[in-house]
Amino acid sequence: MEGLQDPDGSVTLRISQAGAVVLHQAIAGTEFENELAEIELRQPVEQKVFSDVQQALVSLIPGLGTDEYQATVDRAYAEIDPTPY
């Protein structure tokens, strides 16, 4: 993962496809089950940003909304080494 500051003040985050799937899954699952409460977001603006990130990833996730989605999630989780973090 890499973060870049653009001259116009915006930020570009480069993330692997697997990372995008895991991030989307984590946000979407938490939002669905707990309305983002367990991520301990303290301000409505934090919930908005997390929700916006999740929605921005929707078009980039292979198989989302299809029977193939779970296989996509399983591959993504297997592809990322969780150590060290």
PDB file of N, CA and C in Angstrom:
ATOM      1  N   MET A   1       0.851  -1.156   0.000  1.00  0.00           N
ATOM      2  CA  MET A   1       0.000   0.000   0.000  1.00  0.00           C
ATOM      3  C   MET A   1       0.903   1.226   0.000  1.00  0.00           C
ATOM      4  N   GLU A   2       0.454   2.249  -0.685  1.00  0.00           N
ATOM      5  CA  GLU A   2       1.247   3.467  -0.806  1.00  0.00           C
ATOM      6  C   GLU A   2       0.306   4.672  -0.837  1.00  0.00           C
ATOM      7  N   GLY A   3       0.675   5.717  -0.157  1.00  0.00           N
ATOM      8  CA  GLY A   3      -0.091   6.953  -0.176  1.00  0.00           C
ATOM      9  C   GLY A   3       0.712   8.058  -0.823  1.00  0.00           C
ATOM     10  N   LEU A   4       0.080   8.837  -1.687  1.00  0.00           N
ATOM     11  CA  LEU A   4       0.751   9.922  -2.391  1.00  0.00           C
ATOM     12  C   LEU A   4      -0.026  11.217  -2.210  1.00  0.00           C
ATOM     13  N   GLN A   5       0.693  12.305  -1.952  1.00  0.00           N
ATOM     14  CA  GLN A   5       0.084  13.626  -1.863  1.00  0.00           C
ATOM     15  C   GLN A   5       0.176  14.257  -3.245  1.00  0.00           C
ATOM     16  N   ASP A   6      -0.949  14.623  -3.815  1.00  0.00           N
ATOM     17  CA  ASP A   6      -0.985  15.243  -5.130  1.00  0.00           C
ATOM     18  C   ASP A   6      -0.827  16.752  -4.995  1.00  0.00           C
ATOM     19  N   PRO A   7      -0.306  17.407  -6.045  1.00  0.00           N
ATOM     20  CA  PRO A   7      -0.097  18.859  -5.989  1.00  0.00           C
ATOM     21  C   PRO A   7      -1.365  19.656  -5.676  1.00  0.00           C
ATOM     22  N   ASP A   8      -2.521  19.124  -6.038  1.00  0.00           N
ATOM     23  CA  ASP A   8      -3.765  19.859  -5.783  1.00  0.00           C
ATOM     24  C   ASP A   8      -4.287  19.666  -4.356  1.00  0.00           C
ATOM     25  N   GLY A   9      -3.526  18.950  -3.522  1.00  0.00           N
ATOM     26  CA  GLY A   9      -3.931  18.728  -2.140  1.00  0.00           C
ATOM     27  C   GLY A   9      -4.700  17.443  -1.914  1.00  0.00           C
ATOM     28  N   SER A  10      -5.065  16.760  -2.982  1.00  0.00           N
ATOM     29  CA  SER A  10      -5.758  15.482  -2.820  1.00  0.00           C
ATOM     30  C   SER A  10      -4.735  14.388  -2.510  1.00  0.00           C
ATOM     31  N   VAL A  11      -5.222  13.269  -2.052  1.00  0.00           N
ATOM     32  CA  VAL A  11      -4.372  12.140  -1.696  1.00  0.00           C
ATOM     33  C   VAL A  11      -4.770  10.953  -2.558  1.00  0.00           C
ATOM     34  N   THR A  12      -3.787  10.250  -3.078  1.00  0.00           N
ATOM     35  CA  THR A  12      -4.018   9.032  -3.835  1.00  0.00           C
ATOM     36  C   THR A  12      -3.501   7.863  -3.009  1.00  0.00           C
ATOM     37  N   LEU A  13      -4.350   6.884  -2.797  1.00  0.00           N
ATOM     38  CA  LEU A  13      -3.967   5.686  -2.068  1.00  0.00           C
ATOM     39  C   LEU A  13      -3.893   4.543  -3.067  1.00  0.00           C
ATOM     40  N   ARG A  14      -2.715   3.946  -3.195  1.00  0.00           N
ATOM     41  CA  ARG A  14      -2.536   2.783  -4.066  1.00  0.00           C
ATOM     42  C   ARG A  14      -2.604   1.541  -3.188  1.00  0.00           C
ATOM     43  N   ILE A  15      -3.498   0.635  -3.560  1.00  0.00           N
ATOM     44  CA  ILE A  15      -3.736  -0.570  -2.767  1.00  0.00           C
ATOM     45  C   ILE A  15      -3.920  -1.738  -3.735  1.00  0.00           C
ATOM     46  N   SER A  16      -3.474  -2.903  -3.331  1.00  0.00           N
ATOM     47  CA  SER A  16      -3.646  -4.072  -4.190  1.00  0.00           C
ATOM     48  C   SER A  16      -5.135  -4.409  -4.327  1.00  0.00           C
ATOM     49  N   GLN A  17      -5.452  -5.188  -5.352  1.00  0.00           N
ATOM     50  CA  GLN A  17      -6.832  -5.644  -5.534  1.00  0.00           C
ATOM     51  C   GLN A  17      -7.286  -6.419  -4.301  1.00  0.00           C
ATOM     52  N   ALA A  18      -6.404  -7.276  -3.783  1.00  0.00           N
ATOM     53  CA  ALA A  18      -6.747  -8.049  -2.589  1.00  0.00           C
ATOM     54  C   ALA A  18      -6.986  -7.121  -1.400  1.00  0.00           C
ATOM     55  N   GLY A  19      -6.159  -6.118  -1.253  1.00  0.00           N
ATOM     56  CA  GLY A  19      -6.337  -5.153  -0.175  1.00  0.00           C
ATOM     57  C   GLY A  19      -7.657  -4.411  -0.291  1.00  0.00           C
ATOM     58  N   ALA A  20      -8.024  -4.046  -1.516  1.00  0.00           N
ATOM     59  CA  ALA A  20      -9.292  -3.356  -1.742  1.00  0.00           C
ATOM     60  C   ALA A  20     -10.471  -4.244  -1.373  1.00  0.00           C
ATOM     61  N   VAL A  21     -10.382  -5.529  -1.713  1.00  0.00           N
ATOM     62  CA  VAL A  21     -11.462  -6.469  -1.374  1.00  0.00           C
ATOM     63  C   VAL A  21     -11.582  -6.600   0.142  1.00  0.00           C
ATOM     64  N   VAL A  22     -10.453  -6.769   0.822  1.00  0.00           N
ATOM     65  CA  VAL A  22     -10.477  -6.915   2.282  1.00  0.00           C
ATOM     66  C   VAL A  22     -11.013  -5.647   2.940  1.00  0.00           C
ATOM     67  N   LEU A  23     -10.564  -4.486   2.482  1.00  0.00           N
ATOM     68  CA  LEU A  23     -11.045  -3.225   3.046  1.00  0.00           C
ATOM     69  C   LEU A  23     -12.545  -3.064   2.827  1.00  0.00           C
ATOM     70  N   HIS A  24     -12.994  -3.327   1.617  1.00  0.00           N
ATOM     71  CA  HIS A  24     -14.422  -3.231   1.311  1.00  0.00           C
ATOM     72  C   HIS A  24     -15.223  -4.187   2.183  1.00  0.00           C
ATOM     73  N   GLN A  25     -14.759  -5.418   2.287  1.00  0.00           N
ATOM     74  CA  GLN A  25     -15.469  -6.429   3.063  1.00  0.00           C
ATOM     75  C   GLN A  25     -15.560  -6.032   4.533  1.00  0.00           C
ATOM     76  N   ALA A  26     -14.469  -5.524   5.083  1.00  0.00           N
ATOM     77  CA  ALA A  26     -14.458  -5.128   6.491  1.00  0.00           C
ATOM     78  C   ALA A  26     -15.424  -3.975   6.749  1.00  0.00           C
ATOM     79  N   ILE A  27     -15.390  -2.979   5.890  1.00  0.00           N
ATOM     80  CA  ILE A  27     -16.287  -1.830   6.085  1.00  0.00           C
ATOM     81  C   ILE A  27     -17.733  -2.235   5.843  1.00  0.00           C
ATOM     82  N   ALA A  28     -17.989  -2.930   4.758  1.00  0.00           N
ATOM     83  CA  ALA A  28     -19.367  -3.310   4.426  1.00  0.00           C
ATOM     84  C   ALA A  28     -19.952  -4.228   5.491  1.00  0.00           C
ATOM     85  N   GLY A  29     -19.172  -5.184   5.969  1.00  0.00           N
ATOM     86  CA  GLY A  29     -19.663  -6.103   6.990  1.00  0.00           C
ATOM     87  C   GLY A  29     -19.960  -5.387   8.297  1.00  0.00           C
ATOM     88  N   THR A  30     -19.079  -4.498   8.690  1.00  0.00           N
ATOM     89  CA  THR A  30     -19.288  -3.745   9.922  1.00  0.00           C
ATOM     90  C   THR A  30     -20.460  -2.788   9.783  1.00  0.00           C
ATOM     91  N   GLU A  31     -20.562  -2.137   8.638  1.00  0.00           N
ATOM     92  CA  GLU A  31     -21.659  -1.197   8.405  1.00  0.00           C
ATOM     93  C   GLU A  31     -22.994  -1.933   8.431  1.00  0.00           C
ATOM     94  N   PHE A  32     -23.044  -3.104   7.800  1.00  0.00           N
ATOM     95  CA  PHE A  32     -24.279  -3.878   7.739  1.00  0.00           C
ATOM     96  C   PHE A  32     -24.692  -4.374   9.126  1.00  0.00           C
ATOM     97  N   GLU A  33     -23.746  -4.912   9.878  1.00  0.00           N
ATOM     98  CA  GLU A  33     -24.062  -5.527  11.164  1.00  0.00           C
ATOM     99  C   GLU A  33     -24.188  -4.528  12.309  1.00  0.00           C
ATOM    100  N   ASN A  34     -23.378  -3.484  12.291  1.00  0.00           N
ATOM    101  CA  ASN A  34     -23.286  -2.627  13.471  1.00  0.00           C
ATOM    102  C   ASN A  34     -23.384  -1.140  13.167  1.00  0.00           C
ATOM    103  N   GLU A  35     -23.723  -0.794  11.963  1.00  0.00           N
ATOM    104  CA  GLU A  35     -23.794   0.605  11.564  1.00  0.00           C
ATOM    105  C   GLU A  35     -22.483   1.321  11.871  1.00  0.00           C
ATOM    106  N   LEU A  36     -21.374   0.658  11.624  1.00  0.00           N
ATOM    107  CA  LEU A  36     -20.015   1.158  11.830  1.00  0.00           C
ATOM    108  C   LEU A  36     -19.688   1.470  13.289  1.00  0.00           C
ATOM    109  N   ALA A  37     -20.489   0.978  14.226  1.00  0.00           N
ATOM    110  CA  ALA A  37     -20.258   1.293  15.642  1.00  0.00           C
ATOM    111  C   ALA A  37     -19.011   0.613  16.200  1.00  0.00           C
ATOM    112  N   GLU A  38     -18.703  -0.601  15.767  1.00  0.00           N
ATOM    113  CA  GLU A  38     -17.578  -1.320  16.362  1.00  0.00           C
ATOM    114  C   GLU A  38     -16.225  -0.888  15.848  1.00  0.00           C
ATOM    115  N   ILE A  39     -16.172  -0.074  14.822  1.00  0.00           N
ATOM    116  CA  ILE A  39     -14.900   0.485  14.385  1.00  0.00           C
ATOM    117  C   ILE A  39     -14.543   1.665  15.296  1.00  0.00           C
ATOM    118  N   GLU A  40     -15.439   2.029  16.184  1.00  0.00           N
ATOM    119  CA  GLU A  40     -15.281   3.109  17.137  1.00  0.00           C
ATOM    120  C   GLU A  40     -15.105   4.462  16.466  1.00  0.00           C
ATOM    121  N   LEU A  41     -15.916   4.717  15.488  1.00  0.00           N
ATOM    122  CA  LEU A  41     -15.935   6.025  14.870  1.00  0.00           C
ATOM    123  C   LEU A  41     -16.680   6.964  15.808  1.00  0.00           C
ATOM    124  N   ARG A  42     -16.051   8.073  16.119  1.00  0.00           N
ATOM    125  CA  ARG A  42     -16.596   8.960  17.139  1.00  0.00           C
ATOM    126  C   ARG A  42     -17.442  10.100  16.589  1.00  0.00           C
ATOM    127  N   GLN A  43     -17.310  10.361  15.323  1.00  0.00           N
ATOM    128  CA  GLN A  43     -18.017  11.489  14.730  1.00  0.00           C
ATOM    129  C   GLN A  43     -18.777  11.028  13.491  1.00  0.00           C
ATOM    130  N   PRO A  44     -19.922  11.620  13.211  1.00  0.00           N
ATOM    131  CA  PRO A  44     -20.647  11.267  11.989  1.00  0.00           C
ATOM    132  C   PRO A  44     -19.798  11.445  10.728  1.00  0.00           C
ATOM    133  N   VAL A  45     -18.911  12.411  10.734  1.00  0.00           N
ATOM    134  CA  VAL A  45     -18.056  12.625   9.556  1.00  0.00           C
ATOM    135  C   VAL A  45     -17.139  11.422   9.331  1.00  0.00           C
ATOM    136  N   GLU A  46     -16.705  10.761  10.414  1.00  0.00           N
ATOM    137  CA  GLU A  46     -15.883   9.556  10.272  1.00  0.00           C
ATOM    138  C   GLU A  46     -16.695   8.434   9.640  1.00  0.00           C
ATOM    139  N   GLN A  47     -17.946   8.279  10.062  1.00  0.00           N
ATOM    140  CA  GLN A  47     -18.814   7.271   9.460  1.00  0.00           C
ATOM    141  C   GLN A  47     -19.022   7.575   7.983  1.00  0.00           C
ATOM    142  N   LYS A  48     -19.177   8.849   7.640  1.00  0.00           N
ATOM    143  CA  LYS A  48     -19.379   9.254   6.243  1.00  0.00           C
ATOM    144  C   LYS A  48     -18.169   8.887   5.398  1.00  0.00           C
ATOM    145  N   VAL A  49     -16.966   9.169   5.899  1.00  0.00           N
ATOM    146  CA  VAL A  49     -15.755   8.869   5.128  1.00  0.00           C
ATOM    147  C   VAL A  49     -15.614   7.365   4.917  1.00  0.00           C
ATOM    148  N   PHE A  50     -15.829   6.572   5.962  1.00  0.00           N
ATOM    149  CA  PHE A  50     -15.737   5.115   5.810  1.00  0.00           C
ATOM    150  C   PHE A  50     -16.770   4.603   4.806  1.00  0.00           C
ATOM    151  N   SER A  51     -17.977   5.114   4.899  1.00  0.00           N
ATOM    152  CA  SER A  51     -19.021   4.708   3.970  1.00  0.00           C
ATOM    153  C   SER A  51     -18.667   5.120   2.544  1.00  0.00           C
ATOM    154  N   ASP A  52     -18.119   6.318   2.371  1.00  0.00           N
ATOM    155  CA  ASP A  52     -17.723   6.780   1.033  1.00  0.00           C
ATOM    156  C   ASP A  52     -16.611   5.908   0.444  1.00  0.00           C
ATOM    157  N   VAL A  53     -15.655   5.506   1.277  1.00  0.00           N
ATOM    158  CA  VAL A  53     -14.582   4.612   0.805  1.00  0.00           C
ATOM    159  C   VAL A  53     -15.182   3.289   0.347  1.00  0.00           C
ATOM    160  N   GLN A  54     -16.050   2.737   1.170  1.00  0.00           N
ATOM    161  CA  GLN A  54     -16.685   1.461   0.821  1.00  0.00           C
ATOM    162  C   GLN A  54     -17.437   1.575  -0.499  1.00  0.00           C
ATOM    163  N   GLN A  55     -18.184   2.642  -0.684  1.00  0.00           N
ATOM    164  CA  GLN A  55     -18.948   2.832  -1.916  1.00  0.00           C
ATOM    165  C   GLN A  55     -18.034   3.059  -3.119  1.00  0.00           C
ATOM    166  N   ALA A  56     -16.906   3.742  -2.923  1.00  0.00           N
ATOM    167  CA  ALA A  56     -15.962   3.966  -4.017  1.00  0.00           C
ATOM    168  C   ALA A  56     -15.333   2.657  -4.494  1.00  0.00           C
ATOM    169  N   LEU A  57     -15.224   1.697  -3.603  1.00  0.00           N
ATOM    170  CA  LEU A  57     -14.621   0.405  -3.952  1.00  0.00           C
ATOM    171  C   LEU A  57     -15.586  -0.531  -4.669  1.00  0.00           C
ATOM    172  N   VAL A  58     -16.875  -0.271  -4.567  1.00  0.00           N
ATOM    173  CA  VAL A  58     -17.887  -1.184  -5.104  1.00  0.00           C
ATOM    174  C   VAL A  58     -17.614  -1.578  -6.555  1.00  0.00           C
ATOM    175  N   SER A  59     -17.342  -0.621  -7.405  1.00  0.00           N
ATOM    176  CA  SER A  59     -17.153  -0.936  -8.830  1.00  0.00           C
ATOM    177  C   SER A  59     -15.827  -1.637  -9.106  1.00  0.00           C
ATOM    178  N   LEU A  60     -14.950  -1.699  -8.124  1.00  0.00           N
ATOM    179  CA  LEU A  60     -13.625  -2.299  -8.315  1.00  0.00           C
ATOM    180  C   LEU A  60     -13.517  -3.721  -7.790  1.00  0.00           C
ATOM    181  N   ILE A  61     -14.583  -4.222  -7.181  1.00  0.00           N
ATOM    182  CA  ILE A  61     -14.543  -5.536  -6.549  1.00  0.00           C
ATOM    183  C   ILE A  61     -15.123  -6.585  -7.502  1.00  0.00           C
ATOM    184  N   PRO A  62     -14.270  -7.512  -7.959  1.00  0.00           N
ATOM    185  CA  PRO A  62     -14.765  -8.551  -8.871  1.00  0.00           C
ATOM    186  C   PRO A  62     -15.815  -9.439  -8.213  1.00  0.00           C
ATOM    187  N   GLY A  63     -16.886  -9.679  -8.911  1.00  0.00           N
ATOM    188  CA  GLY A  63     -17.909 -10.611  -8.457  1.00  0.00           C
ATOM    189  C   GLY A  63     -18.845 -10.079  -7.392  1.00  0.00           C
ATOM    190  N   LEU A  64     -18.700  -8.826  -7.002  1.00  0.00           N
ATOM    191  CA  LEU A  64     -19.560  -8.283  -5.958  1.00  0.00           C
ATOM    192  C   LEU A  64     -21.023  -8.406  -6.378  1.00  0.00           C
ATOM    193  N   GLY A  65     -21.833  -8.942  -5.487  1.00  0.00           N
ATOM    194  CA  GLY A  65     -23.253  -9.110  -5.773  1.00  0.00           C
ATOM    195  C   GLY A  65     -23.578 -10.361  -6.561  1.00  0.00           C
ATOM    196  N   THR A  66     -22.581 -11.224  -6.755  1.00  0.00           N
ATOM    197  CA  THR A  66     -22.811 -12.465  -7.497  1.00  0.00           C
ATOM    198  C   THR A  66     -22.424 -13.660  -6.624  1.00  0.00           C
ATOM    199  N   ASP A  67     -22.679 -14.833  -7.126  1.00  0.00           N
ATOM    200  CA  ASP A  67     -22.304 -16.055  -6.412  1.00  0.00           C
ATOM    201  C   ASP A  67     -20.788 -16.212  -6.303  1.00  0.00           C
ATOM    202  N   GLU A  68     -20.032 -15.530  -7.154  1.00  0.00           N
ATOM    203  CA  GLU A  68     -18.571 -15.638  -7.148  1.00  0.00           C
ATOM    204  C   GLU A  68     -17.919 -14.753  -6.088  1.00  0.00           C
ATOM    205  N   TYR A  69     -18.684 -13.881  -5.445  1.00  0.00           N
ATOM    206  CA  TYR A  69     -18.098 -12.912  -4.515  1.00  0.00           C
ATOM    207  C   TYR A  69     -17.358 -13.581  -3.360  1.00  0.00           C
ATOM    208  N   GLN A  70     -17.926 -14.619  -2.763  1.00  0.00           N
ATOM    209  CA  GLN A  70     -17.246 -15.265  -1.631  1.00  0.00           C
ATOM    210  C   GLN A  70     -15.899 -15.822  -2.045  1.00  0.00           C
ATOM    211  N   ALA A  71     -15.800 -16.357  -3.245  1.00  0.00           N
ATOM    212  CA  ALA A  71     -14.514 -16.861  -3.729  1.00  0.00           C
ATOM    213  C   ALA A  71     -13.516 -15.714  -3.880  1.00  0.00           C
ATOM    214  N   THR A  72     -13.978 -14.553  -4.328  1.00  0.00           N
ATOM    215  CA  THR A  72     -13.126 -13.374  -4.440  1.00  0.00           C
ATOM    216  C   THR A  72     -12.604 -12.972  -3.064  1.00  0.00           C
ATOM    217  N   VAL A  73     -13.488 -12.955  -2.084  1.00  0.00           N
ATOM    218  CA  VAL A  73     -13.095 -12.599  -0.712  1.00  0.00           C
ATOM    219  C   VAL A  73     -12.098 -13.625  -0.174  1.00  0.00           C
ATOM    220  N   ASP A  74     -12.369 -14.898  -0.365  1.00  0.00           N
ATOM    221  CA  ASP A  74     -11.479 -15.948   0.133  1.00  0.00           C
ATOM    222  C   ASP A  74     -10.083 -15.821  -0.478  1.00  0.00           C
ATOM    223  N   ARG A  75     -10.007 -15.575  -1.783  1.00  0.00           N
ATOM    224  CA  ARG A  75      -8.704 -15.396  -2.452  1.00  0.00           C
ATOM    225  C   ARG A  75      -7.965 -14.181  -1.896  1.00  0.00           C
ATOM    226  N   ALA A  76      -8.689 -13.094  -1.700  1.00  0.00           N
ATOM    227  CA  ALA A  76      -8.066 -11.872  -1.194  1.00  0.00           C
ATOM    228  C   ALA A  76      -7.495 -12.090   0.205  1.00  0.00           C
ATOM    229  N   TYR A  77      -8.259 -12.727   1.081  1.00  0.00           N
ATOM    230  CA  TYR A  77      -7.789 -12.978   2.434  1.00  0.00           C
ATOM    231  C   TYR A  77      -6.562 -13.899   2.424  1.00  0.00           C
ATOM    232  N   ALA A  78      -6.539 -14.881   1.537  1.00  0.00           N
ATOM    233  CA  ALA A  78      -5.421 -15.806   1.444  1.00  0.00           C
ATOM    234  C   ALA A  78      -4.178 -15.144   0.862  1.00  0.00           C
ATOM    235  N   GLU A  79      -4.371 -14.127   0.035  1.00  0.00           N
ATOM    236  CA  GLU A  79      -3.263 -13.471  -0.662  1.00  0.00           C
ATOM    237  C   GLU A  79      -2.460 -12.534   0.234  1.00  0.00           C
ATOM    238  N   ILE A  80      -3.071 -12.013   1.277  1.00  0.00           N
ATOM    239  CA  ILE A  80      -2.407 -11.018   2.117  1.00  0.00           C
ATOM    240  C   ILE A  80      -1.792 -11.668   3.345  1.00  0.00           C
ATOM    241  N   ASP A  81      -0.508 -11.409   3.542  1.00  0.00           N
ATOM    242  CA  ASP A  81       0.203 -11.899   4.724  1.00  0.00           C
ATOM    243  C   ASP A  81      -0.122 -10.948   5.883  1.00  0.00           C
ATOM    244  N   PRO A  82      -0.760 -11.443   6.948  1.00  0.00           N
ATOM    245  CA  PRO A  82      -1.171 -10.562   8.036  1.00  0.00           C
ATOM    246  C   PRO A  82      -0.043 -10.136   8.974  1.00  0.00           C
ATOM    247  N   THR A  83       1.170 -10.629   8.751  1.00  0.00           N
ATOM    248  CA  THR A  83       2.272 -10.265   9.639  1.00  0.00           C
ATOM    249  C   THR A  83       3.340  -9.502   8.877  1.00  0.00           C
ATOM    250  N   PRO A  84       4.063  -8.628   9.441  1.00  0.00           N
ATOM    251  CA  PRO A  84       3.697  -7.963  10.695  1.00  0.00           C
ATOM    252  C   PRO A  84       2.789  -6.784  10.406  1.00  0.00           C
ATOM    253  N   TYR A  85       1.994  -6.437  11.324  1.00  0.00           N
ATOM    254  CA  TYR A  85       1.173  -5.237  11.172  1.00  0.00           C
ATOM    255  C   TYR A  85       1.299  -4.378  12.384  1.00  0.00           C
TER     256      TYR A  85
END
